[in-house]
């Protein structure tokens, strides 16, 4: 399953992305997917990120619990 979204890029970044994908024989869409996957893998391995994530999840759970009451 895929989800369609719109990404607005600065013109220079879009041109560079198009050049990279032409040379690599791929698409800008593939480059964006690969880049997002790499960033998500990076933050998953980042202890500071995972600590902040846990705190946010705890805070969100507390808020949701209050709304249920």
N, C-alpha and C. Protein backbone atom coordinates (compact mmCIF):
# COMPACT_ATOMS: atom_id res chain seq x y z
N UNK A 1 0.84 -1.17 0.00
CA UNK A 1 0.00 0.00 0.00
C UNK A 1 0.89 1.24 0.00
N UNK A 2 0.50 2.23 -0.74
CA UNK A 2 1.25 3.48 -0.78
C UNK A 2 0.34 4.63 -0.40
N UNK A 3 0.96 5.72 0.02
CA UNK A 3 0.23 6.94 0.34
C UNK A 3 0.81 8.05 -0.52
N UNK A 4 -0.05 8.75 -1.20
CA UNK A 4 0.38 9.83 -2.06
C UNK A 4 0.47 11.12 -1.26
N UNK A 5 1.54 11.88 -1.48
CA UNK A 5 1.71 13.16 -0.82
C UNK A 5 2.39 14.12 -1.78
N UNK A 6 2.29 15.39 -1.49
CA UNK A 6 2.93 16.42 -2.30
C UNK A 6 4.12 16.97 -1.53
N UNK A 7 5.24 17.10 -2.21
CA UNK A 7 6.44 17.67 -1.60
C UNK A 7 6.82 18.90 -2.40
N UNK A 8 6.96 20.01 -1.71
CA UNK A 8 7.40 21.25 -2.37
C UNK A 8 8.89 21.42 -2.09
N UNK A 9 9.66 21.49 -3.15
CA UNK A 9 11.11 21.62 -3.02
C UNK A 9 11.56 22.96 -3.56
N UNK A 10 12.58 23.54 -2.94
CA UNK A 10 13.18 24.72 -3.56
C UNK A 10 13.68 24.34 -4.96
N UNK A 11 13.60 25.27 -5.88
CA UNK A 11 13.92 24.97 -7.28
C UNK A 11 15.32 24.38 -7.44
N UNK A 12 16.30 24.93 -6.74
CA UNK A 12 17.66 24.42 -6.90
C UNK A 12 17.79 22.99 -6.39
N UNK A 13 17.12 22.66 -5.29
CA UNK A 13 17.16 21.31 -4.76
C UNK A 13 16.45 20.34 -5.72
N UNK A 14 15.34 20.76 -6.28
CA UNK A 14 14.61 19.92 -7.23
C UNK A 14 15.47 19.65 -8.47
N UNK A 15 16.16 20.67 -8.96
CA UNK A 15 17.03 20.49 -10.12
C UNK A 15 18.17 19.52 -9.82
N UNK A 16 18.76 19.66 -8.62
CA UNK A 16 19.85 18.76 -8.23
C UNK A 16 19.34 17.33 -8.07
N UNK A 17 18.17 17.18 -7.50
CA UNK A 17 17.58 15.85 -7.35
C UNK A 17 17.33 15.22 -8.71
N UNK A 18 16.81 15.99 -9.63
CA UNK A 18 16.56 15.48 -10.98
C UNK A 18 17.86 15.07 -11.66
N UNK A 19 18.93 15.85 -11.48
CA UNK A 19 20.22 15.51 -12.07
C UNK A 19 20.76 14.21 -11.48
N UNK A 20 20.68 14.08 -10.15
CA UNK A 20 21.16 12.86 -9.49
C UNK A 20 20.40 11.65 -9.99
N UNK A 21 19.09 11.77 -10.10
CA UNK A 21 18.30 10.60 -10.50
C UNK A 21 18.50 10.27 -11.98
N UNK A 22 18.75 11.27 -12.81
CA UNK A 22 19.05 10.98 -14.23
C UNK A 22 20.33 10.16 -14.33
N UNK A 23 21.35 10.57 -13.59
CA UNK A 23 22.64 9.87 -13.62
C UNK A 23 22.49 8.46 -13.07
N UNK A 24 21.70 8.30 -12.00
CA UNK A 24 21.52 7.00 -11.38
C UNK A 24 20.47 6.13 -12.07
N UNK A 25 19.74 6.71 -13.01
CA UNK A 25 18.71 5.95 -13.72
C UNK A 25 17.52 5.61 -12.85
N UNK A 26 17.22 6.49 -11.89
CA UNK A 26 16.07 6.28 -11.01
C UNK A 26 15.13 7.47 -11.14
N UNK A 27 14.21 7.58 -10.20
CA UNK A 27 13.26 8.68 -10.21
C UNK A 27 13.44 9.54 -8.96
N UNK A 28 12.92 10.75 -9.03
CA UNK A 28 12.94 11.63 -7.85
C UNK A 28 12.14 10.97 -6.73
N UNK A 29 11.06 10.32 -7.08
CA UNK A 29 10.26 9.61 -6.09
C UNK A 29 11.11 8.57 -5.36
N UNK A 30 11.89 7.79 -6.10
CA UNK A 30 12.76 6.77 -5.48
C UNK A 30 13.81 7.43 -4.59
N UNK A 31 14.36 8.55 -5.03
CA UNK A 31 15.35 9.27 -4.22
C UNK A 31 14.73 9.75 -2.91
N UNK A 32 13.52 10.28 -2.98
CA UNK A 32 12.84 10.75 -1.77
C UNK A 32 12.57 9.57 -0.83
N UNK A 33 12.09 8.46 -1.36
CA UNK A 33 11.82 7.28 -0.53
C UNK A 33 13.10 6.80 0.15
N UNK A 34 14.18 6.68 -0.62
CA UNK A 34 15.47 6.24 -0.07
C UNK A 34 15.98 7.20 1.00
N UNK A 35 15.84 8.50 0.74
CA UNK A 35 16.31 9.51 1.69
C UNK A 35 15.51 9.49 2.98
N UNK A 36 14.20 9.35 2.87
CA UNK A 36 13.35 9.27 4.07
C UNK A 36 13.66 8.01 4.88
N UNK A 37 13.83 6.91 4.18
CA UNK A 37 14.15 5.65 4.87
C UNK A 37 15.48 5.76 5.61
N UNK A 38 16.46 6.39 4.99
CA UNK A 38 17.78 6.57 5.63
C UNK A 38 17.66 7.48 6.85
N UNK A 39 16.89 8.54 6.75
CA UNK A 39 16.72 9.46 7.89
C UNK A 39 15.99 8.77 9.04
N UNK A 40 14.96 8.00 8.73
CA UNK A 40 14.23 7.30 9.78
C UNK A 40 15.14 6.28 10.46
N UNK A 41 15.95 5.57 9.69
CA UNK A 41 16.91 4.63 10.29
C UNK A 41 17.89 5.37 11.18
N UNK A 42 18.32 6.55 10.76
CA UNK A 42 19.28 7.34 11.54
C UNK A 42 18.68 7.76 12.87
N UNK A 43 17.45 8.29 12.86
CA UNK A 43 16.87 8.76 14.11
C UNK A 43 16.49 7.61 15.04
N UNK A 44 16.14 6.46 14.48
CA UNK A 44 15.87 5.29 15.32
C UNK A 44 17.10 4.87 16.12
N UNK A 45 18.28 5.10 15.56
CA UNK A 45 19.52 4.74 16.23
C UNK A 45 20.03 5.86 17.15
N UNK A 46 19.35 6.99 17.16
CA UNK A 46 19.75 8.17 17.94
C UNK A 46 19.08 8.10 19.32
N UNK A 47 19.89 7.88 20.36
CA UNK A 47 19.34 7.75 21.72
C UNK A 47 18.61 9.01 22.18
N UNK A 48 19.10 10.18 21.82
CA UNK A 48 18.41 11.41 22.22
C UNK A 48 17.03 11.48 21.58
N UNK A 49 16.94 11.09 20.32
CA UNK A 49 15.64 11.09 19.64
C UNK A 49 14.68 10.12 20.32
N UNK A 50 15.15 8.90 20.58
CA UNK A 50 14.25 7.90 21.16
C UNK A 50 13.82 8.30 22.57
N UNK A 51 14.68 9.01 23.31
CA UNK A 51 14.29 9.51 24.62
C UNK A 51 13.19 10.56 24.48
N UNK A 52 13.37 11.50 23.55
CA UNK A 52 12.33 12.52 23.31
C UNK A 52 11.04 11.87 22.84
N UNK A 53 11.16 10.86 21.99
CA UNK A 53 9.97 10.15 21.50
C UNK A 53 9.21 9.51 22.65
N UNK A 54 9.92 8.85 23.54
CA UNK A 54 9.27 8.21 24.69
C UNK A 54 8.55 9.23 25.56
N UNK A 55 9.19 10.37 25.81
CA UNK A 55 8.56 11.42 26.62
C UNK A 55 7.29 11.95 25.94
N UNK A 56 7.37 12.14 24.63
CA UNK A 56 6.18 12.60 23.90
C UNK A 56 5.06 11.58 23.95
N UNK A 57 5.40 10.30 23.81
CA UNK A 57 4.38 9.26 23.88
C UNK A 57 3.72 9.22 25.25
N UNK A 58 4.52 9.36 26.31
CA UNK A 58 3.96 9.37 27.67
C UNK A 58 3.02 10.56 27.85
N UNK A 59 3.45 11.73 27.39
CA UNK A 59 2.62 12.93 27.51
C UNK A 59 1.33 12.78 26.72
N UNK A 60 1.43 12.24 25.50
CA UNK A 60 0.23 12.04 24.68
C UNK A 60 -0.72 11.05 25.33
N UNK A 61 -0.18 9.97 25.90
CA UNK A 61 -1.02 8.98 26.57
C UNK A 61 -1.75 9.62 27.74
N UNK A 62 -1.05 10.45 28.51
CA UNK A 62 -1.69 11.13 29.64
C UNK A 62 -2.83 12.02 29.16
N UNK A 63 -2.60 12.76 28.09
CA UNK A 63 -3.65 13.63 27.54
C UNK A 63 -4.84 12.82 27.05
N UNK A 64 -4.59 11.74 26.34
CA UNK A 64 -5.68 10.90 25.86
C UNK A 64 -6.46 10.27 27.01
N UNK A 65 -5.73 9.84 28.04
CA UNK A 65 -6.41 9.28 29.21
C UNK A 65 -7.33 10.30 29.86
N UNK A 66 -6.88 11.56 29.93
CA UNK A 66 -7.74 12.62 30.52
C UNK A 66 -8.96 12.87 29.67
N UNK A 67 -8.81 12.79 28.35
CA UNK A 67 -9.95 13.03 27.46
C UNK A 67 -11.00 11.93 27.58
N UNK A 68 -10.57 10.73 27.88
CA UNK A 68 -11.49 9.60 27.99
C UNK A 68 -12.36 9.73 29.23
N UNK A 69 -11.85 10.33 30.28
CA UNK A 69 -12.59 10.44 31.54
C UNK A 69 -13.80 11.32 31.42
